[in-house]
Amino acid sequence: MCLAIPGKILEIDNSRPLKMGKVDFGGIVKEICLEYLPEVAIGQYVIVHVGFAISTLDEEEALSTIKLLNEIDSSSSGNEEERGSDDA
């Protein structure tokens, strides 16, 4: 299964052969290829898959998706702790 994650564009670098940018994923900043989305701007949210921005989305949709991903993460972390306590 593949997962694409929303992130917010912080910087854009047009000085390289491919358009690159720094994208924030909830506090983790990664360099991402923006070449597939030539019209993106700083402050916009993009969906990123394996290091490539593949589409844009509005802020409301991005924040909603990020919230859901955080809830899934919190839920799965709790399940791992419960499983670990059974082994004791």
C-alpha atoms as a PDB file:
ATOM      1  CA  MET A   1       0.000   0.000   0.000  1.00  0.00           C
ATOM      2  CA  CYS A   2       1.210   3.496  -0.816  1.00  0.00           C
ATOM      3  CA  LEU A   3       0.526   6.595   1.216  1.00  0.00           C
ATOM      4  CA  ALA A   4       0.673  10.221   0.084  1.00  0.00           C
ATOM      5  CA  ILE A   5       1.069  12.817   2.836  1.00  0.00           C
ATOM      6  CA  PRO A   6      -0.003  16.492   2.847  1.00  0.00           C
ATOM      7  CA  GLY A   7       2.611  19.114   3.628  1.00  0.00           C
ATOM      8  CA  LYS A   8       2.991  22.897   3.515  1.00  0.00           C
ATOM      9  CA  ILE A   9       5.504  24.523   1.170  1.00  0.00           C
ATOM     10  CA  LEU A  10       7.977  26.670   3.113  1.00  0.00           C
ATOM     11  CA  GLU A  11      10.547  27.463   0.409  1.00  0.00           C
ATOM     12  CA  ILE A  12      10.896  27.087  -3.352  1.00  0.00           C
ATOM     13  CA  ASP A  13      14.235  26.703  -5.154  1.00  0.00           C
ATOM     14  CA  ASN A  14      14.179  27.357  -8.902  1.00  0.00           C
ATOM     15  CA  SER A  15      17.982  27.459  -9.234  1.00  0.00           C
ATOM     16  CA  ARG A  16      18.302  23.738 -10.060  1.00  0.00           C
ATOM     17  CA  PRO A  17      17.332  21.821 -13.187  1.00  0.00           C
ATOM     18  CA  LEU A  18      14.239  20.532 -11.312  1.00  0.00           C
ATOM     19  CA  LYS A  19      12.010  22.805  -9.217  1.00  0.00           C
ATOM     20  CA  MET A  20      12.566  21.830  -5.563  1.00  0.00           C
ATOM     21  CA  GLY A  21      11.156  23.030  -2.279  1.00  0.00           C
ATOM     22  CA  LYS A  22      11.196  22.567   1.463  1.00  0.00           C
ATOM     23  CA  VAL A  23       7.910  21.137   2.722  1.00  0.00           C
ATOM     24  CA  ASP A  24       6.777  20.928   6.347  1.00  0.00           C
ATOM     25  CA  PHE A  25       5.086  17.715   7.500  1.00  0.00           C
ATOM     26  CA  GLY A  26       3.980  18.574  11.031  1.00  0.00           C
ATOM     27  CA  GLY A  27       7.389  19.831  12.129  1.00  0.00           C
ATOM     28  CA  ILE A  28       9.500  17.578   9.922  1.00  0.00           C
ATOM     29  CA  VAL A  29      10.880  19.489   6.937  1.00  0.00           C
ATOM     30  CA  LYS A  30      11.936  17.589   3.824  1.00  0.00           C
ATOM     31  CA  GLU A  31      13.234  18.609   0.415  1.00  0.00           C
ATOM     32  CA  ILE A  32      10.608  17.696  -2.188  1.00  0.00           C
ATOM     33  CA  CYS A  33      10.515  17.831  -5.971  1.00  0.00           C
ATOM     34  CA  LEU A  34       7.869  20.337  -7.124  1.00  0.00           C
ATOM     35  CA  GLU A  35       8.461  19.896 -10.854  1.00  0.00           C
ATOM     36  CA  TYR A  36       5.062  18.259 -11.483  1.00  0.00           C
ATOM     37  CA  LEU A  37       3.308  21.351 -10.062  1.00  0.00           C
ATOM     38  CA  PRO A  38       4.913  24.373 -11.757  1.00  0.00           C
ATOM     39  CA  GLU A  39       2.345  26.872 -10.410  1.00  0.00           C
ATOM     40  CA  VAL A  40       2.688  26.067  -6.676  1.00  0.00           C
ATOM     41  CA  ALA A  41       3.569  28.848  -4.272  1.00  0.00           C
ATOM     42  CA  ILE A  42       4.972  29.180  -0.765  1.00  0.00           C
ATOM     43  CA  GLY A  43       2.242  28.571   1.797  1.00  0.00           C
ATOM     44  CA  GLN A  44       0.251  26.146  -0.336  1.00  0.00           C
ATOM     45  CA  TYR A  45      -0.376  22.552   0.707  1.00  0.00           C
ATOM     46  CA  VAL A  46       0.659  19.690  -1.540  1.00  0.00           C
ATOM     47  CA  ILE A  47       0.206  15.936  -1.495  1.00  0.00           C
ATOM     48  CA  VAL A  48       3.622  14.251  -1.552  1.00  0.00           C
ATOM     49  CA  HIS A  49       4.373  10.698  -2.597  1.00  0.00           C
ATOM     50  CA  VAL A  50       7.922   9.267  -2.542  1.00  0.00           C
ATOM     51  CA  GLY A  51       9.483  12.733  -2.569  1.00  0.00           C
ATOM     52  CA  PHE A  52       7.362  14.254  -5.358  1.00  0.00           C
ATOM     53  CA  ALA A  53       4.534  16.754  -4.922  1.00  0.00           C
ATOM     54  CA  ILE A  54       1.739  15.254  -7.028  1.00  0.00           C
ATOM     55  CA  SER A  55      -1.205  17.590  -6.353  1.00  0.00           C
ATOM     56  CA  THR A  56      -2.292  20.643  -4.416  1.00  0.00           C
ATOM     57  CA  LEU A  57      -5.091  20.868  -1.886  1.00  0.00           C
ATOM     58  CA  ASP A  58      -6.723  23.654   0.078  1.00  0.00           C
ATOM     59  CA  GLU A  59      -5.717  24.385   3.645  1.00  0.00           C
ATOM     60  CA  GLU A  60      -8.965  23.102   5.174  1.00  0.00           C
ATOM     61  CA  GLU A  61      -8.658  19.730   3.446  1.00  0.00           C
ATOM     62  CA  ALA A  62      -4.949  19.494   4.305  1.00  0.00           C
ATOM     63  CA  LEU A  63      -5.495  20.227   7.997  1.00  0.00           C
ATOM     64  CA  SER A  64      -8.389  17.765   8.137  1.00  0.00           C
ATOM     65  CA  THR A  65      -6.227  15.038   6.605  1.00  0.00           C
ATOM     66  CA  ILE A  66      -3.330  15.807   8.944  1.00  0.00           C
ATOM     67  CA  LYS A  67      -5.699  15.605  11.924  1.00  0.00           C
ATOM     68  CA  LEU A  68      -6.952  12.191  10.785  1.00  0.00           C
ATOM     69  CA  LEU A  69      -3.405  10.891  10.287  1.00  0.00           C
ATOM     70  CA  ASN A  70      -2.480  12.079  13.793  1.00  0.00           C
ATOM     71  CA  GLU A  71      -5.532  10.307  15.232  1.00  0.00           C
ATOM     72  CA  ILE A  72      -4.553   7.082  13.452  1.00  0.00           C
ATOM     73  CA  ASP A  73      -1.018   7.421  14.794  1.00  0.00           C
ATOM     74  CA  SER A  74      -2.252   8.024  18.343  1.00  0.00           C
ATOM     75  CA  SER A  75      -4.640   5.098  18.094  1.00  0.00           C
ATOM     76  CA  SER A  76      -2.003   2.685  16.810  1.00  0.00           C
ATOM     77  CA  SER A  77       0.517   3.832  19.446  1.00  0.00           C
ATOM     78  CA  GLY A  78      -1.994   2.974  22.161  1.00  0.00           C
ATOM     79  CA  ASN A  79      -2.548  -0.478  20.685  1.00  0.00           C
ATOM     80  CA  GLU A  80       1.185  -1.224  20.666  1.00  0.00           C
ATOM     81  CA  GLU A  81       1.430  -0.262  24.339  1.00  0.00           C
ATOM     82  CA  GLU A  82      -1.511  -2.559  25.158  1.00  0.00           C
ATOM     83  CA  ARG A  83       0.092  -5.447  23.262  1.00  0.00           C
ATOM     84  CA  GLY A  84       3.386  -4.842  25.031  1.00  0.00           C
ATOM     85  CA  SER A  85       1.745  -5.016  28.447  1.00  0.00           C
ATOM     86  CA  ASP A  86       0.341  -8.479  27.655  1.00  0.00           C
ATOM     87  CA  ASP A  87       3.877  -9.820  27.227  1.00  0.00           C
ATOM     88  CA  ALA A  88       4.923  -8.792  30.752  1.00  0.00           C
END
